[in-house]
Amino acid sequence: MGSVLEFREICKYFPGVKALDHVSFKACAGEVLAFLGENGAGKSTLLKVLNGDYQPTSGQYLLDGVEKHFQSPHQAIEEGISIIYQERQILLELSVAENIYLGRMPVNRLGFIDSRKANEMAEEIIRDFGLPIRPTEKVKDLSIAYQQMVEIMKAYSRENLKVICFDEPTASLSDSEIESLFRIIGKLKAEGKIIIYVSHRMDEIRRITDKVAIFKDGHYISTVVTGQVPESEMIRQMVGRDLGDIYQNLDRNKTIGKVLLEVKNVSSDYVKENSFVLHEGEVLGFSGLVGAGRTELMRAIIGADRMRTGEILLDGKPIRNRSPHEAMEHGIVLVPEDRKLQGILSNLSVSDNINISLLDRNSNKLGFVNRAREEKTARESIRDFRIKTPSPDKKIVELSGGNQQKCIVARWISTSPRVLILDEPTKGIDVGAKSEFYQMICDFARQGLGVILISSELPEVIGLSDRIIVMKSLEIAGEVSREEATESKLLSLGMMGEVQES
């Protein structure tokens, strides 16, 4: 009989929040069990309890009938449990091999670290994953997607592995990398490992999971067999309501205004020359494969990367953004893709994260900050963006991913921008929170903002955008209107640079 992981009456309470409330269920060997629920439903908190990051307020968890109580992630790893979080846990200055075998590097007969042996062992794992990287490469030089794969390889390499948990593992991966991951998950399943897979992507859940455990507001609702319960019923259980057609129900902007932003032949060290326009009240989608240059083009526009050529006009007047701060002063802001590294300030409170871009405006000539004004802004943002937090003073890192993202958006909206650039704004966010974000984006457009939406989810970019620009190989390949947009057209432009006639 294979291993069994059991949770019994697990509770985890934070001040003002019941993150987990009497959660009980089992996960079995040789099965892939999905965790499904809105952000803040308790999925990641339960993984952190299992991993020893958090101590349960009450309740117990058992592996193979034996009660466990891990005081640290290291203890969990020693017992064969590996958790791969949405936020990466790797050391950027070390090589791929050093990250994979961190704390357990092979040694030679004299007791010295055998780097050559580590590189050979890592090479075998890299070959299993089918990745074009070298064991000796420093992780900091890899893309975000490959950094994520290194973390997965680290867990995969552990000989005592019994339980492996993935928290939104495909959020940064391309289609080919996702295929590689799914192949490895299939191998782990065949070897009899317990696999927990946290995702909001229903197509992935359909494809690779055997069962789905549904969570809502810190409660375990039920476990269903994948494919035996309609997706609409699973969504109803996790959000407590029927969402219907998430795009058809949006209150959109009906009137597109004059040209607001003109980008003329802009290039940088990372993207070729590109030109486009954005109108007031318009949602302009940017589609393309991973590495197509969408983020790089926006970084050049806001001055995060130096423009080599080109011109930017706002309301018909030339502007020059030599830094993101200068872009903000001109009314152009970007909500970045990587929430952990480029978005939140994890050691600061919700209030501090929202107000960080307003320090100049909230300070007097002597540099003293008006705390009353900051608190007013924070409380208004929490109300307007429906941020779930017991207090503006709560650390942002203790909120769910969706609520962290709301704080970041609130931060930039508080600067009263003219142009709002959203780079993968719903990455790692559940279907219920996505519907809120979608309406929020439409509301921004109705207020007259020009919104640029970068999204790798084709239904999302089609469902939200008035026009869609497709990039390929660091340059714009074409443009499609909302009425003409289909997934096949966008993929055709993104992969081949032209629309293939059917």
Protein backbone atom coordinates (compact mmCIF):
# COMPACT_ATOMS: atom_id res chain seq x y z
CA MET A 1 0.00 0.00 0.00
CA GLY A 2 1.31 3.48 -0.90
CA SER A 3 1.78 6.48 1.35
CA VAL A 4 -1.14 8.49 2.73
CA LEU A 5 -1.09 12.09 3.90
CA GLU A 6 -3.94 12.99 6.24
CA PHE A 7 -5.06 16.31 7.71
CA ARG A 8 -7.26 16.19 10.84
CA GLU A 9 -9.14 19.26 12.05
CA ILE A 10 -6.34 21.67 11.07
CA CYS A 11 -6.94 25.25 12.26
CA LYS A 12 -4.69 28.24 11.68
CA TYR A 13 -5.79 31.59 13.05
CA PHE A 14 -4.13 34.98 12.56
CA PRO A 15 -5.34 38.13 14.32
CA GLY A 16 -8.77 38.82 12.84
CA VAL A 17 -8.51 36.01 10.25
CA LYS A 18 -9.41 32.31 10.28
CA ALA A 19 -7.05 31.16 7.53
CA LEU A 20 -7.88 27.48 8.13
CA ASP A 21 -10.91 26.29 10.06
CA HIS A 22 -11.16 22.56 10.94
CA VAL A 23 -9.72 21.23 7.67
CA SER A 24 -9.80 17.41 7.33
CA PHE A 25 -9.11 15.22 4.26
CA LYS A 26 -6.59 12.74 2.78
CA ALA A 27 -4.17 12.66 -0.15
CA CYS A 28 -2.99 9.28 -1.46
CA ALA A 29 0.07 7.94 -3.25
CA GLY A 30 -0.01 7.61 -7.02
CA GLU A 31 -2.61 10.38 -7.39
CA VAL A 32 -2.45 14.01 -8.37
CA LEU A 33 -4.73 15.98 -6.04
CA ALA A 34 -5.58 19.55 -7.03
CA PHE A 35 -6.28 22.28 -4.49
CA LEU A 36 -8.94 24.63 -5.89
CA GLY A 37 -10.21 27.79 -4.22
CA GLU A 38 -10.19 31.55 -4.35
CA ASN A 39 -7.16 33.49 -3.16
CA GLY A 40 -7.40 33.56 0.61
CA ALA A 41 -9.30 30.25 0.71
CA GLY A 42 -6.47 28.62 2.69
CA LYS A 43 -4.63 26.54 0.09
CA SER A 44 -1.16 28.06 0.48
CA THR A 45 -1.61 28.37 4.26
CA LEU A 46 -2.24 24.62 4.49
CA LEU A 47 0.93 23.94 2.49
CA LYS A 48 2.89 26.21 4.84
CA VAL A 49 1.52 24.33 7.86
CA LEU A 50 2.59 21.03 6.27
CA ASN A 51 6.02 22.48 5.45
CA GLY A 52 6.73 23.80 8.96
CA ASP A 53 6.60 27.46 7.87
CA TYR A 54 3.52 27.90 10.08
CA GLN A 55 2.54 26.04 13.22
CA PRO A 56 -1.15 25.03 13.33
CA THR A 57 -3.31 26.66 15.97
CA SER A 58 -4.84 23.22 16.51
CA GLY A 59 -5.27 19.90 14.70
CA GLN A 60 -2.76 17.40 13.35
CA TYR A 61 -1.32 15.98 10.15
CA LEU A 62 -0.16 12.41 9.63
CA LEU A 63 2.11 10.72 7.08
CA ASP A 64 1.55 6.99 6.75
CA GLY A 65 -0.46 7.01 9.97
CA VAL A 66 2.30 8.67 12.00
CA GLU A 67 1.61 12.15 13.40
CA LYS A 68 4.13 14.77 12.29
CA HIS A 69 4.89 18.22 13.64
CA PHE A 70 7.54 20.04 11.66
CA GLN A 71 9.17 23.06 13.25
CA SER A 72 10.88 24.09 10.00
CA PRO A 73 10.94 23.34 6.26
CA HIS A 74 14.22 21.49 6.82
CA GLN A 75 12.45 18.96 9.04
CA ALA A 76 9.75 18.49 6.39
CA ILE A 77 12.40 17.87 3.71
CA GLU A 78 14.09 15.28 5.95
CA GLU A 79 10.76 13.42 6.14
CA GLY A 80 10.37 13.43 2.34
CA ILE A 81 8.07 16.45 1.88
CA SER A 82 8.92 19.14 -0.70
CA ILE A 83 6.86 22.26 -1.33
CA ILE A 84 7.47 24.38 -4.43
CA TYR A 85 5.94 27.76 -3.71
CA GLN A 86 4.74 30.37 -6.17
CA GLU A 87 7.53 32.62 -4.82
CA ARG A 88 10.91 31.15 -5.72
CA GLN A 89 13.19 29.82 -2.96
CA ILE A 90 16.51 29.71 -4.80
CA LEU A 91 19.90 31.41 -4.41
CA LEU A 92 20.51 33.53 -7.49
CA GLU A 93 24.30 33.79 -7.09
CA LEU A 94 24.80 30.01 -7.09
CA SER A 95 24.92 27.72 -10.14
CA VAL A 96 22.12 25.44 -11.28
CA ALA A 97 23.87 22.38 -9.84
CA GLU A 98 24.65 24.14 -6.55
CA ASN A 99 20.99 25.09 -6.16
CA ILE A 100 19.77 21.57 -6.94
CA TYR A 101 22.12 19.97 -4.38
CA LEU A 102 22.24 22.80 -1.85
CA GLY A 103 23.09 21.35 1.58
CA ARG A 104 23.84 17.91 0.13
CA MET A 105 26.61 18.48 -2.40
CA PRO A 106 28.56 15.27 -3.18
CA VAL A 107 32.05 14.99 -1.67
CA ASN A 108 35.17 13.13 -2.76
CA ARG A 109 37.23 10.65 -0.75
CA LEU A 110 39.02 13.46 1.04
CA GLY A 111 35.74 15.05 2.14
CA PHE A 112 35.94 18.01 -0.23
CA ILE A 113 32.96 19.10 -2.32
CA ASP A 114 33.01 17.34 -5.69
CA SER A 115 31.67 20.00 -8.06
CA ARG A 116 32.29 17.86 -11.15
CA LYS A 117 30.16 15.05 -9.72
CA ALA A 118 27.40 17.55 -8.83
CA ASN A 119 27.45 18.92 -12.38
CA GLU A 120 27.22 15.41 -13.84
CA MET A 121 24.26 14.53 -11.58
CA ALA A 122 22.55 17.84 -12.40
CA GLU A 123 23.12 17.23 -16.12
CA GLU A 124 21.11 13.99 -15.88
CA ILE A 125 18.20 15.79 -14.26
CA ILE A 126 18.35 18.64 -16.79
CA ARG A 127 18.23 15.98 -19.53
CA ASP A 128 15.13 14.44 -17.89
CA PHE A 129 13.47 17.85 -18.00
CA GLY A 130 14.65 18.56 -21.55
CA LEU A 131 15.88 22.08 -20.79
CA PRO A 132 18.52 24.08 -22.72
CA ILE A 133 20.50 25.11 -19.64
CA ARG A 134 23.89 24.10 -18.21
CA PRO A 135 24.64 22.90 -14.65
CA THR A 136 27.36 25.55 -14.30
CA GLU A 137 25.15 28.53 -15.22
CA LYS A 138 24.38 30.96 -12.44
CA VAL A 139 20.68 30.96 -11.66
CA LYS A 140 20.56 34.77 -11.77
CA ASP A 141 21.36 34.58 -15.50
CA LEU A 142 18.34 32.34 -16.24
CA SER A 143 14.84 33.50 -17.14
CA ILE A 144 12.15 33.49 -14.46
CA ALA A 145 10.70 30.36 -16.09
CA TYR A 146 13.97 28.45 -15.91
CA GLN A 147 14.56 29.61 -12.34
CA GLN A 148 11.21 28.03 -11.49
CA MET A 149 12.26 24.81 -13.22
CA VAL A 150 15.51 24.72 -11.20
CA GLU A 151 13.44 24.81 -8.03
CA ILE A 152 11.33 21.92 -9.27
CA MET A 153 14.50 19.98 -10.20
CA LYS A 154 15.80 20.50 -6.65
CA ALA A 155 12.74 18.75 -5.20
CA TYR A 156 12.77 16.09 -7.94
CA SER A 157 16.38 15.16 -7.07
CA ARG A 158 15.68 14.19 -3.45
CA GLU A 159 15.88 10.42 -3.02
CA ASN A 160 13.59 10.30 0.03
CA LEU A 161 10.76 12.19 -1.71
CA LYS A 162 7.27 11.04 -0.64
CA VAL A 163 5.12 14.17 -1.01
CA ILE A 164 5.62 16.95 -3.54
CA CYS A 165 3.40 20.02 -3.66
CA PHE A 166 3.27 22.54 -6.51
CA ASP A 167 1.84 26.02 -5.84
CA GLU A 168 0.90 27.60 -9.21
CA PRO A 169 3.95 26.05 -10.92
CA THR A 170 3.09 27.01 -14.51
CA ALA A 171 2.48 30.73 -13.93
CA SER A 172 5.87 31.64 -15.45
CA LEU A 173 6.33 28.71 -17.84
CA SER A 174 6.00 28.50 -21.61
CA ASP A 175 3.95 25.77 -23.29
CA SER A 176 7.01 23.57 -23.92
CA GLU A 177 8.16 23.96 -20.30
CA ILE A 178 4.67 23.10 -19.07
CA GLU A 179 4.79 19.92 -21.17
CA SER A 180 8.13 19.04 -19.57
CA LEU A 181 6.69 19.63 -16.08
CA PHE A 182 3.63 17.49 -16.80
CA ARG A 183 5.86 14.68 -18.05
CA ILE A 184 7.83 14.80 -14.78
CA ILE A 185 4.61 14.84 -12.73
CA GLY A 186 3.47 11.75 -14.64
CA LYS A 187 6.75 10.05 -13.78
CA LEU A 188 6.42 10.95 -10.09
CA LYS A 189 2.85 9.67 -10.09
CA ALA A 190 3.98 6.34 -11.58
CA GLU A 191 6.63 6.09 -8.86
CA GLY A 192 3.88 6.32 -6.21
CA LYS A 193 4.51 9.83 -4.88
CA ILE A 194 1.77 11.93 -3.30
CA ILE A 195 1.33 14.95 -5.56
CA ILE A 196 -0.59 18.09 -4.59
CA TYR A 197 -1.15 20.59 -7.38
CA VAL A 198 -2.43 24.10 -6.62
CA SER A 199 -3.69 25.88 -9.74
CA HIS A 200 -6.45 28.17 -10.96
CA ARG A 201 -6.13 26.92 -14.54
CA MET A 202 -9.04 24.59 -15.12
CA ASP A 203 -7.55 23.13 -18.31
CA GLU A 204 -4.48 21.98 -16.35
CA ILE A 205 -6.61 20.53 -13.55
CA ARG A 206 -8.68 18.66 -16.14
CA ARG A 207 -5.61 17.29 -17.82
CA ILE A 208 -3.28 16.08 -15.07
CA THR A 209 -5.22 15.64 -11.82
CA ASP A 210 -7.14 12.65 -10.51
CA LYS A 211 -9.10 14.44 -7.80
CA VAL A 212 -9.86 18.02 -6.75
CA ALA A 213 -10.05 19.27 -3.14
CA ILE A 214 -12.17 22.43 -2.99
CA PHE A 215 -11.61 25.20 -0.41
CA LYS A 216 -13.63 28.28 0.51
CA ASP A 217 -12.88 30.93 3.16
CA GLY A 218 -10.53 28.68 5.11
CA HIS A 219 -12.89 25.69 5.01
CA TYR A 220 -12.45 22.39 3.18
CA ILE A 221 -15.63 21.88 1.13
CA SER A 222 -15.25 18.55 -0.66
CA THR A 223 -13.06 16.30 -2.80
CA VAL A 224 -14.40 15.39 -6.24
CA VAL A 225 -13.12 13.06 -8.94
CA THR A 226 -11.75 15.07 -11.86
CA GLY A 227 -14.08 14.88 -14.83
CA GLN A 228 -17.05 13.57 -12.86
CA VAL A 229 -18.23 17.00 -11.64
CA PRO A 230 -18.81 19.87 -14.10
CA GLU A 231 -16.41 22.80 -13.85
CA SER A 232 -19.34 25.14 -13.25
CA GLU A 233 -20.25 23.17 -10.12
CA MET A 234 -16.66 23.24 -8.83
CA ILE A 235 -16.51 27.01 -9.37
CA ARG A 236 -19.88 27.42 -7.63
CA GLN A 237 -18.53 25.52 -4.61
CA MET A 238 -15.33 27.55 -4.42
CA VAL A 239 -16.84 31.03 -4.87
CA GLY A 240 -20.33 30.41 -3.50
CA ARG A 241 -21.97 31.86 -6.59
CA ASP A 242 -22.43 31.21 -10.30
CA LEU A 243 -20.09 33.47 -12.26
CA GLY A 244 -21.78 32.87 -15.61
CA ASP A 245 -19.83 34.13 -18.62
CA ILE A 246 -17.10 36.12 -16.92
CA TYR A 247 -16.50 38.37 -19.95
CA GLN A 248 -20.08 38.87 -21.18
CA ASN A 249 -21.16 40.26 -17.81
CA LEU A 250 -18.54 43.04 -17.70
CA ASP A 251 -19.64 46.70 -17.70
CA ARG A 252 -17.34 47.95 -20.45
CA ASN A 253 -16.38 51.39 -21.68
CA LYS A 254 -18.58 52.18 -24.69
CA THR A 255 -16.70 55.24 -25.95
CA ILE A 256 -13.05 55.22 -26.98
CA GLY A 257 -11.50 58.71 -26.89
CA LYS A 258 -8.70 60.49 -28.68
CA VAL A 259 -5.14 59.23 -29.06
CA LEU A 260 -3.48 59.46 -25.64
CA LEU A 261 -0.10 57.76 -26.08
CA GLU A 262 1.99 57.44 -29.23
CA VAL A 263 5.01 55.14 -29.31
CA LYS A 264 7.16 55.73 -32.40
CA ASN A 265 10.01 53.37 -33.36
CA VAL A 266 10.98 52.70 -29.76
CA SER A 267 13.81 50.20 -29.24
CA SER A 268 16.20 49.21 -26.45
CA ASP A 269 18.97 46.69 -25.90
CA TYR A 270 16.21 44.08 -25.44
CA VAL A 271 13.59 44.91 -28.06
CA LYS A 272 13.54 46.01 -31.71
CA GLU A 273 11.90 49.18 -33.07
CA ASN A 274 8.15 49.22 -32.38
CA SER A 275 5.31 51.69 -32.92
CA PHE A 276 1.71 51.79 -31.69
CA VAL A 277 -0.94 54.16 -30.32
CA LEU A 278 -3.21 53.98 -27.27
CA HIS A 279 -6.50 55.88 -26.94
CA GLU A 280 -8.23 57.33 -23.89
CA GLY A 281 -10.64 54.80 -22.40
CA GLU A 282 -9.15 51.92 -24.40
CA VAL A 283 -7.95 48.53 -23.21
CA LEU A 284 -5.10 47.64 -25.56
CA GLY A 285 -4.04 44.01 -25.27
CA PHE A 286 -0.53 42.73 -25.90
CA SER A 287 -0.27 39.05 -26.80
CA GLY A 288 2.66 36.84 -27.79
CA LEU A 289 4.71 33.89 -26.68
CA VAL A 290 7.03 34.02 -23.66
CA GLY A 291 10.11 36.01 -24.70
CA ALA A 292 8.34 37.86 -27.52
CA GLY A 293 9.36 41.23 -26.03
CA ARG A 294 6.10 42.55 -24.56
CA THR A 295 7.52 43.32 -21.10
CA GLU A 296 10.76 44.64 -22.59
CA LEU A 297 8.89 47.13 -24.77
CA MET A 298 6.98 48.46 -21.74
CA ARG A 299 10.19 48.72 -19.70
CA ALA A 300 11.68 50.89 -22.44
CA ILE A 301 8.57 53.09 -22.45
CA ILE A 302 8.71 53.74 -18.69
CA GLY A 303 12.49 54.22 -18.59
CA ALA A 304 13.34 51.01 -16.72
CA ASP A 305 15.52 50.13 -19.73
CA ARG A 306 17.29 52.81 -21.78
CA MET A 307 15.64 53.67 -25.10
CA ARG A 308 18.10 53.36 -27.98
CA THR A 309 15.78 54.84 -30.61
CA GLY A 310 12.32 56.28 -30.89
CA GLU A 311 9.97 58.85 -29.45
CA ILE A 312 7.08 58.83 -26.97
CA LEU A 313 4.24 61.35 -27.17
CA LEU A 314 1.58 61.91 -24.48
CA ASP A 315 -1.37 64.04 -25.58
CA GLY A 316 0.64 64.84 -28.70
CA LYS A 317 3.60 66.26 -26.75
CA PRO A 318 7.02 64.53 -26.69
CA ILE A 319 8.13 63.18 -23.31
CA ARG A 320 11.31 61.45 -22.20
CA ASN A 321 11.22 58.88 -19.41
CA ARG A 322 14.70 58.29 -18.03
CA SER A 323 13.35 56.32 -15.06
CA PRO A 324 10.08 54.75 -13.85
CA HIS A 325 9.75 57.66 -11.40
CA GLU A 326 9.94 60.14 -14.27
CA ALA A 327 7.34 58.08 -16.15
CA MET A 328 5.09 58.23 -13.08
CA GLU A 329 5.46 62.01 -13.01
CA HIS A 330 4.30 62.02 -16.64
CA GLY A 331 1.33 59.82 -15.70
CA ILE A 332 2.54 56.43 -17.01
CA VAL A 333 2.79 53.57 -14.51
CA LEU A 334 3.43 49.82 -14.75
CA VAL A 335 2.18 47.02 -12.51
CA PRO A 336 4.98 44.43 -12.95
CA GLU A 337 4.66 40.74 -13.69
CA ASP A 338 6.83 39.50 -10.81
CA ARG A 339 4.80 40.41 -7.74
CA LYS A 340 7.42 39.22 -5.24
CA LEU A 341 10.61 40.71 -6.72
CA GLN A 342 9.27 43.86 -8.39
CA GLY A 343 5.90 44.54 -6.77
CA ILE A 344 5.42 44.15 -3.04
CA LEU A 345 7.72 45.41 -0.29
CA SER A 346 7.34 42.27 1.80
CA ASN A 347 8.61 43.67 5.12
CA LEU A 348 6.22 46.63 5.03
CA SER A 349 2.53 46.96 5.86
CA VAL A 350 -0.41 47.17 3.48
CA SER A 351 -0.56 50.93 4.12
CA ASP A 352 3.15 51.44 3.43
CA ASN A 353 2.93 49.43 0.20
CA ILE A 354 0.01 51.50 -1.06
CA ASN A 355 1.58 54.84 -0.09
CA ILE A 356 5.20 54.22 -1.13
CA SER A 357 4.75 56.03 -4.46
CA LEU A 358 3.20 59.05 -2.73
CA LEU A 359 6.04 59.85 -0.33
CA ASP A 360 6.86 63.12 -2.10
CA ARG A 361 3.23 64.24 -2.06
CA ASN A 362 2.62 63.12 1.53
CA SER A 363 5.75 64.82 2.95
CA ASN A 364 6.29 68.44 3.93
CA LYS A 365 9.33 70.57 3.02
CA LEU A 366 11.28 69.17 5.99
CA GLY A 367 10.64 65.58 4.87
CA PHE A 368 8.13 64.69 7.58
CA VAL A 369 5.42 62.29 6.40
CA ASN A 370 1.76 63.11 6.99
CA ARG A 371 0.67 59.81 8.56
CA ALA A 372 -3.00 60.84 8.76
CA ARG A 373 -3.05 61.41 5.00
CA GLU A 374 -1.36 58.05 4.41
CA GLU A 375 -3.89 56.23 6.60
CA LYS A 376 -6.77 57.94 4.78
CA THR A 377 -5.36 56.85 1.39
CA ALA A 378 -4.82 53.28 2.63
CA ARG A 379 -8.32 52.93 4.07
CA GLU A 380 -9.91 54.35 0.91
CA SER A 381 -7.87 51.93 -1.23
CA ILE A 382 -8.80 48.96 0.98
CA ARG A 383 -12.45 49.95 0.60
CA ASP A 384 -12.40 50.76 -3.13
CA PHE A 385 -10.35 47.73 -4.16
CA ARG A 386 -12.00 45.38 -1.65
CA ILE A 387 -8.67 44.29 -0.19
CA LYS A 388 -9.18 41.56 2.40
CA THR A 389 -7.07 42.57 5.39
CA PRO A 390 -7.96 43.02 9.08
CA SER A 391 -5.93 46.23 9.21
CA PRO A 392 -3.89 48.64 7.03
CA ASP A 393 -1.00 47.83 9.39
CA LYS A 394 -0.92 44.12 8.52
CA LYS A 395 2.21 43.01 6.66
CA ILE A 396 1.43 42.66 2.95
CA VAL A 397 3.30 39.37 2.71
CA GLU A 398 0.65 37.82 4.99
CA LEU A 399 -2.14 38.52 2.47
CA SER A 400 -3.18 36.20 -0.35
CA GLY A 401 -1.64 36.70 -3.77
CA GLY A 402 -4.79 38.31 -5.14
CA ASN A 403 -4.98 40.82 -2.31
CA GLN A 404 -1.28 41.63 -2.68
CA GLN A 405 -1.95 42.37 -6.34
CA LYS A 406 -4.85 44.66 -5.42
CA CYS A 407 -2.50 46.60 -3.14
CA ILE A 408 -0.01 47.08 -5.98
CA VAL A 409 -2.71 48.27 -8.36
CA ALA A 410 -4.07 50.59 -5.65
CA ARG A 411 -0.57 52.00 -5.17
CA TRP A 412 -0.30 53.09 -8.79
CA ILE A 413 -3.90 54.24 -9.18
CA SER A 414 -3.36 56.50 -6.17
CA THR A 415 -0.83 58.45 -8.29
CA SER A 416 -3.67 59.45 -10.69
CA PRO A 417 -2.08 58.03 -13.86
CA ARG A 418 -3.14 58.66 -17.46
CA VAL A 419 -1.70 55.35 -18.75
CA LEU A 420 -1.85 52.12 -16.72
CA ILE A 421 0.28 49.19 -17.92
CA LEU A 422 -0.71 45.83 -16.41
CA ASP A 423 1.82 43.03 -16.97
CA GLU A 424 0.16 39.63 -16.38
CA PRO A 425 -2.06 41.17 -13.66
CA THR A 426 -4.04 37.99 -12.90
CA LYS A 427 -1.13 35.54 -12.82
CA GLY A 428 -1.68 33.16 -9.91
CA ILE A 429 -5.11 34.60 -9.10
CA ASP A 430 -8.23 32.46 -8.79
CA VAL A 431 -11.28 32.66 -11.02
CA GLY A 432 -13.37 34.56 -8.46
CA ALA A 433 -10.73 37.24 -7.90
CA LYS A 434 -10.12 37.41 -11.65
CA SER A 435 -13.71 38.51 -12.23
CA GLU A 436 -13.10 41.41 -9.81
CA PHE A 437 -9.90 42.37 -11.63
CA TYR A 438 -11.62 42.20 -15.01
CA GLN A 439 -14.33 44.64 -13.92
CA MET A 440 -11.67 46.82 -12.30
CA ILE A 441 -9.84 47.03 -15.64
CA CYS A 442 -13.06 47.98 -17.42
CA ASP A 443 -13.74 50.61 -14.75
CA PHE A 444 -10.31 52.16 -15.31
CA ALA A 445 -11.09 52.44 -19.03
CA ARG A 446 -14.52 53.97 -18.29
CA GLN A 447 -12.73 56.61 -16.19
CA GLY A 448 -10.72 57.59 -19.29
CA LEU A 449 -7.44 55.86 -18.53
CA GLY A 450 -5.52 54.25 -21.35
CA VAL A 451 -4.95 50.64 -20.24
CA ILE A 452 -2.28 48.36 -21.70
CA LEU A 453 -2.89 44.72 -20.77
CA ILE A 454 -0.14 42.13 -21.23
CA SER A 455 -1.53 38.62 -20.85
CA SER A 456 -0.41 35.16 -21.88
CA GLU A 457 -3.94 33.81 -21.35
CA LEU A 458 -5.59 34.06 -24.75
CA PRO A 459 -9.22 34.01 -23.51
CA GLU A 460 -8.32 36.83 -21.11
CA VAL A 461 -6.66 39.12 -23.64
CA ILE A 462 -9.47 38.48 -26.16
CA GLY A 463 -12.22 38.91 -23.57
CA LEU A 464 -10.93 42.23 -22.18
CA SER A 465 -9.22 44.11 -25.01
CA ASP A 466 -10.64 46.56 -27.53
CA ARG A 467 -7.64 45.92 -29.78
CA ILE A 468 -4.86 43.33 -29.52
CA ILE A 469 -1.25 43.82 -30.62
CA VAL A 470 0.70 40.59 -31.13
CA MET A 471 4.49 40.50 -30.71
CA LYS A 472 6.95 37.98 -32.12
CA SER A 473 10.74 37.95 -31.85
CA LEU A 474 10.95 41.35 -30.08
CA GLU A 475 8.78 43.26 -32.55
CA ILE A 476 5.10 43.82 -33.33
CA ALA A 477 3.84 41.17 -35.75
CA GLY A 478 0.32 42.49 -36.22
CA GLU A 479 -2.87 43.90 -34.74
CA VAL A 480 -6.34 42.36 -34.39
CA SER A 481 -9.61 44.01 -33.36
CA ARG A 482 -11.77 42.54 -30.60
CA GLU A 483 -14.44 41.55 -33.13
CA GLU A 484 -11.95 39.62 -35.29
CA ALA A 485 -9.84 38.14 -32.49
CA THR A 486 -9.66 34.36 -32.12
CA GLU A 487 -7.14 32.19 -30.31
CA SER A 488 -5.97 30.69 -33.61
CA LYS A 489 -5.32 34.15 -35.12
CA LEU A 490 -3.32 35.32 -32.14
CA LEU A 491 -1.31 32.10 -32.00
CA SER A 492 -0.69 32.23 -35.74
CA LEU A 493 0.62 35.80 -35.50
CA GLY A 494 2.66 35.02 -32.40
CA MET A 495 4.26 31.87 -33.81
CA MET A 496 4.53 32.59 -37.56
CA GLY A 497 4.17 36.36 -37.83
CA GLU A 498 1.11 36.09 -40.03
CA VAL A 499 -2.48 34.90 -39.91
CA GLN A 500 -2.88 31.57 -41.65
CA GLU A 501 -6.11 31.39 -43.65
CA SER A 502 -8.21 28.34 -42.78
